[in-house]
Protein backbone atom coordinates (compact mmCIF):
# COMPACT_ATOMS: atom_id res chain seq x y z
CA MET A 1 19.13 6.30 -2.96
CA ALA A 2 16.16 3.91 -5.18
CA ILE A 3 15.36 0.90 -6.98
CA THR A 4 14.45 0.75 -11.00
CA LEU A 5 10.87 -1.08 -10.38
CA ASN A 6 10.36 -3.29 -13.42
CA ASN A 7 7.82 -0.91 -14.63
CA GLY A 8 10.84 1.97 -15.30
CA PHE A 9 9.76 3.74 -12.01
CA LYS A 10 12.27 5.27 -9.47
CA MET A 11 11.42 4.31 -5.28
CA PRO A 12 13.20 5.73 -2.57
CA ILE A 13 14.40 2.92 -0.65
CA ILE A 14 14.27 5.03 2.60
CA GLY A 15 10.94 6.36 3.16
CA LEU A 16 8.60 8.21 6.07
CA GLY A 17 6.03 5.82 7.30
CA VAL A 18 3.12 7.26 9.38
CA TRP A 19 1.64 4.40 11.33
CA ARG A 20 0.33 4.87 14.01
CA MET A 21 2.01 9.30 13.73
CA ASP A 22 0.17 10.98 15.85
CA GLU A 23 -2.63 13.69 13.79
CA SER A 24 -1.54 17.16 15.90
CA ASN A 25 2.13 16.54 14.82
CA ILE A 26 1.59 14.90 10.95
CA ARG A 27 2.29 18.60 9.38
CA ASP A 28 5.50 19.27 11.19
CA LEU A 29 6.51 15.56 10.77
CA ILE A 30 6.40 14.90 7.17
CA ILE A 31 7.47 18.71 5.93
CA ASN A 32 10.51 18.47 8.24
CA ALA A 33 11.04 14.78 6.63
CA ILE A 34 11.22 16.26 3.32
CA LYS A 35 13.33 18.91 4.49
CA ILE A 36 16.38 16.70 5.43
CA GLY A 37 15.51 14.34 2.10
CA TYR A 38 12.66 11.87 2.67
CA ARG A 39 11.53 11.26 -0.69
CA HIS A 40 9.30 8.58 -0.47
CA ILE A 41 6.17 8.62 2.02
CA ASP A 42 4.12 5.64 3.11
CA CYS A 43 0.77 6.05 4.25
CA ALA A 44 -2.65 3.47 4.51
CA ALA A 45 -5.83 3.99 3.90
CA ASP A 46 -5.39 1.59 7.48
CA TYR A 47 -3.24 4.27 9.15
CA ARG A 48 -6.75 6.52 9.39
CA ASN A 49 -4.40 9.71 8.21
CA GLU A 50 -4.72 10.26 5.16
CA ALA A 51 -6.51 13.61 4.73
CA GLU A 52 -3.67 15.55 7.22
CA VAL A 53 -1.09 13.99 5.27
CA GLY A 54 -2.73 15.52 1.99
CA GLU A 55 -2.51 18.55 4.39
CA ALA A 56 0.46 18.69 5.02
CA LEU A 57 1.67 17.32 1.15
CA ALA A 58 -0.62 20.36 0.28
CA GLU A 59 1.67 22.41 2.19
CA ALA A 60 5.09 21.12 0.76
CA PHE A 61 3.64 21.67 -3.20
CA SER A 62 2.58 24.85 -2.42
CA THR A 63 5.43 26.50 -1.03
CA GLY A 64 7.66 24.84 -3.28
CA LEU A 65 9.42 22.96 -0.59
CA VAL A 66 9.15 19.41 -3.06
CA LYS A 67 7.56 19.20 -6.87
CA ARG A 68 4.95 16.01 -6.89
CA GLU A 69 7.25 14.43 -9.20
CA ASP A 70 9.99 14.67 -6.77
CA LEU A 71 7.32 12.55 -3.88
CA PHE A 72 6.94 8.89 -4.16
CA ILE A 73 3.77 8.09 -2.59
CA THR A 74 2.43 5.04 -1.44
CA THR A 75 -0.63 3.75 0.10
CA LYS A 76 -3.11 0.36 0.65
CA LEU A 77 -6.20 -1.30 0.35
CA TRP A 78 -7.92 -1.95 3.04
CA ASN A 79 -8.69 -5.54 3.60
CA SER A 80 -12.69 -4.44 3.15
CA ASP A 81 -12.72 -2.76 0.56
CA HIS A 82 -11.84 -5.61 -2.14
CA GLY A 83 -14.71 -5.25 -3.43
CA HIS A 84 -14.60 -1.35 -4.29
CA VAL A 85 -11.45 -0.97 -5.21
CA LEU A 86 -11.93 2.46 -7.55
CA GLU A 87 -14.21 3.58 -4.63
CA ALA A 88 -11.53 3.58 -2.54
CA CYS A 89 -8.26 4.33 -4.32
CA LYS A 90 -10.44 7.71 -5.34
CA ASP A 91 -11.22 8.26 -1.26
CA SER A 92 -7.76 7.83 -0.56
CA LEU A 93 -6.53 9.93 -3.57
CA LYS A 94 -8.91 12.61 -2.43
CA LYS A 95 -7.56 13.13 1.32
CA LEU A 96 -4.21 12.75 0.28
CA GLN A 97 -4.75 15.61 -2.63
CA LEU A 98 -2.69 13.49 -4.90
CA ASP A 99 -4.17 13.68 -8.97
CA TYR A 100 -2.07 9.58 -8.97
CA LEU A 101 0.40 7.20 -6.10
CA ASP A 102 3.00 6.65 -6.83
CA LEU A 103 2.01 2.72 -5.21
CA TYR A 104 -1.23 1.30 -4.34
CA LEU A 105 -0.61 -2.29 -2.43
CA VAL A 106 -3.51 -5.21 -1.15
CA HIS A 107 -2.33 -4.21 2.79
CA PHE A 108 -3.62 -7.94 2.98
CA PRO A 109 -3.72 -10.05 0.70
CA VAL A 110 -7.77 -11.00 1.72
CA ALA A 111 -10.92 -9.67 1.69
CA THR A 112 -13.05 -8.82 4.31
CA LYS A 113 -16.82 -7.73 4.73
CA HIS A 114 -17.53 -3.88 3.41
CA THR A 115 -17.56 -1.70 6.10
CA GLY A 116 -17.86 1.25 3.78
CA VAL A 117 -15.46 2.87 1.41
CA GLY A 118 -13.52 5.80 3.70
CA THR A 119 -14.39 3.50 6.60
CA THR A 120 -11.51 0.50 8.25
CA ASP A 121 -13.34 -1.06 10.49
CA SER A 122 -12.96 -4.58 10.61
CA ALA A 123 -17.06 -6.58 10.30
CA LEU A 124 -16.88 -9.95 13.42
CA ASP A 125 -19.55 -12.32 13.67
CA ALA A 126 -21.60 -13.13 16.32
CA ASP A 127 -18.51 -15.05 17.57
CA GLY A 128 -16.50 -12.25 17.66
CA VAL A 129 -14.64 -13.66 14.52
CA LEU A 130 -12.99 -11.59 11.79
CA GLU A 131 -16.35 -11.82 8.62
CA ILE A 132 -14.68 -13.26 5.50
CA ASP A 133 -15.28 -11.91 1.99
CA THR A 134 -15.34 -15.57 0.16
CA THR A 135 -17.24 -14.63 -2.95
CA ILE A 136 -14.06 -12.02 -3.75
CA SER A 137 -11.24 -13.56 -4.87
CA LEU A 138 -7.44 -12.15 -5.13
CA GLU A 139 -7.48 -12.29 -8.57
CA THR A 140 -10.80 -10.44 -9.30
CA THR A 141 -9.36 -7.82 -7.03
CA TRP A 142 -6.44 -7.48 -8.83
CA HIS A 143 -8.03 -7.28 -11.65
CA ALA A 144 -9.37 -3.49 -10.58
CA MET A 145 -5.74 -2.47 -9.26
CA GLU A 146 -4.62 -3.25 -12.73
CA ASP A 147 -7.92 -1.16 -14.56
CA LEU A 148 -6.36 2.19 -11.94
CA VAL A 149 -3.09 1.80 -14.00
CA SER A 150 -4.40 1.86 -16.77
CA MET A 151 -6.58 4.88 -15.70
CA GLY A 152 -3.60 6.55 -14.71
CA LEU A 153 -5.22 6.71 -11.22
CA VAL A 154 -1.96 4.58 -10.08
CA ARG A 155 2.08 4.11 -11.77
CA SER A 156 2.62 1.10 -9.41
CA ILE A 157 0.60 -1.88 -7.86
CA GLY A 158 1.77 -4.62 -5.46
CA ILE A 159 0.43 -6.75 -2.51
CA ARG A 160 1.77 -6.20 0.89
CA LEU A 161 2.34 -10.17 2.44
CA ASN A 162 2.16 -8.58 5.90
CA PHE A 163 2.27 -11.81 8.71
CA VAL A 164 1.49 -13.30 5.48
CA CYS A 165 -0.01 -17.33 6.38
CA VAL A 166 1.79 -19.86 4.72
CA HIS A 167 -1.36 -21.41 3.30
CA CYS A 168 -1.39 -18.04 1.20
CA LEU A 169 2.22 -17.96 -0.09
CA VAL A 170 1.53 -21.71 -1.06
CA TYR A 171 -1.45 -21.67 -2.72
CA ILE A 172 -3.00 -17.93 -3.33
CA ILE A 173 -0.37 -16.53 -4.50
CA PRO A 174 1.06 -18.84 -7.43
CA ALA A 175 -2.37 -19.20 -8.34
CA PHE A 176 -2.44 -15.76 -8.98
CA LEU A 177 1.01 -14.53 -9.91
CA PHE A 178 0.27 -16.62 -12.94
CA LYS A 179 -2.39 -14.50 -14.23
CA LEU A 180 -1.34 -10.82 -13.86
CA SER A 181 -1.31 -8.61 -16.83
CA PHE A 182 0.56 -4.96 -14.69
CA PRO A 183 3.96 -6.17 -12.64
CA LEU A 184 3.51 -6.54 -9.00
CA ALA A 185 5.82 -5.18 -6.21
CA VAL A 186 5.13 -7.21 -3.15
CA ILE A 187 6.23 -5.87 0.26
CA VAL A 188 7.51 -7.89 2.32
CA GLU A 189 7.32 -7.60 6.78
CA LYS A 190 11.15 -8.02 7.82
CA THR A 191 8.80 -10.49 10.58
CA LEU A 192 8.61 -13.25 8.08
CA ASP A 193 11.00 -16.22 8.66
CA GLN A 194 13.25 -17.53 5.95
CA TRP A 195 11.04 -20.50 4.64
CA GLN A 196 8.81 -17.89 4.12
CA VAL A 197 11.11 -15.97 2.42
CA ASP A 198 12.59 -18.40 0.23
CA THR A 199 9.76 -19.37 -1.21
CA SER A 200 7.67 -15.88 -2.06
CA LEU A 201 12.01 -15.67 -3.81
CA LYS A 202 10.86 -18.53 -5.79
CA LEU A 203 7.37 -16.58 -6.69
CA MET A 204 7.37 -13.88 -7.22
CA ARG A 205 8.49 -14.61 -11.82
CA GLY A 206 10.23 -11.25 -12.14
CA SER A 207 8.25 -9.38 -10.24
CA GLN A 208 9.76 -6.49 -7.59
CA PHE A 209 10.61 -8.02 -4.16
CA PHE A 210 11.45 -6.22 -0.71
CA CYS A 211 11.84 -6.86 2.46
CA LEU A 212 10.37 -3.74 5.22
CA VAL A 213 12.46 -2.91 7.91
CA GLU A 214 11.99 -0.33 9.98
CA PHE A 215 14.52 1.41 11.38
CA ASN A 216 12.53 3.24 14.53
CA SER A 217 9.07 3.42 15.55
CA GLY A 218 7.03 6.22 16.99
CA SER A 219 5.13 4.38 20.09
């Protein structure tokens, strides 16, 4: 079962998330998931297993198990790469052994200090507090995401409002939405309360809105 995004592409609503998957098991899990009908694989740079996912996908394609166009591959831009969107996307594509992504999400709508493309470490200050990079706005990051679509590296782009703060919903996201050039797909974690969901729905202005629900967890 799939839904049609606001740019015409179809996204399977049931997917296999690879968060916390053991590297030694990823190949079998992905191959078997594809065999039983999964067509959406949800990844992220922060999950630190894109290379292993890429090896499994390459095997699935080379053996004829499935064609690239039959799969919907999602991955996510980590916080420390908000100022290096193109490089981060290319790094994910290389690890996943893909020419394009079906969906590329901003993992969190807040930029942190850059720690190097290909790493997902979080820089901390002397007091052990996360170092926020206030020089990079969400708008700047988003324009770089839009460029990925224009370049053909990504088909759909969006923001994952995971544990998003009230400040982001009321101040940051609304101002940013009025400056979009491309449609936005937004994934909302199941931990959002009803007020946050209602507020998010009012802000979408024709963009797609999804609530993410886990059927099960490997942990």
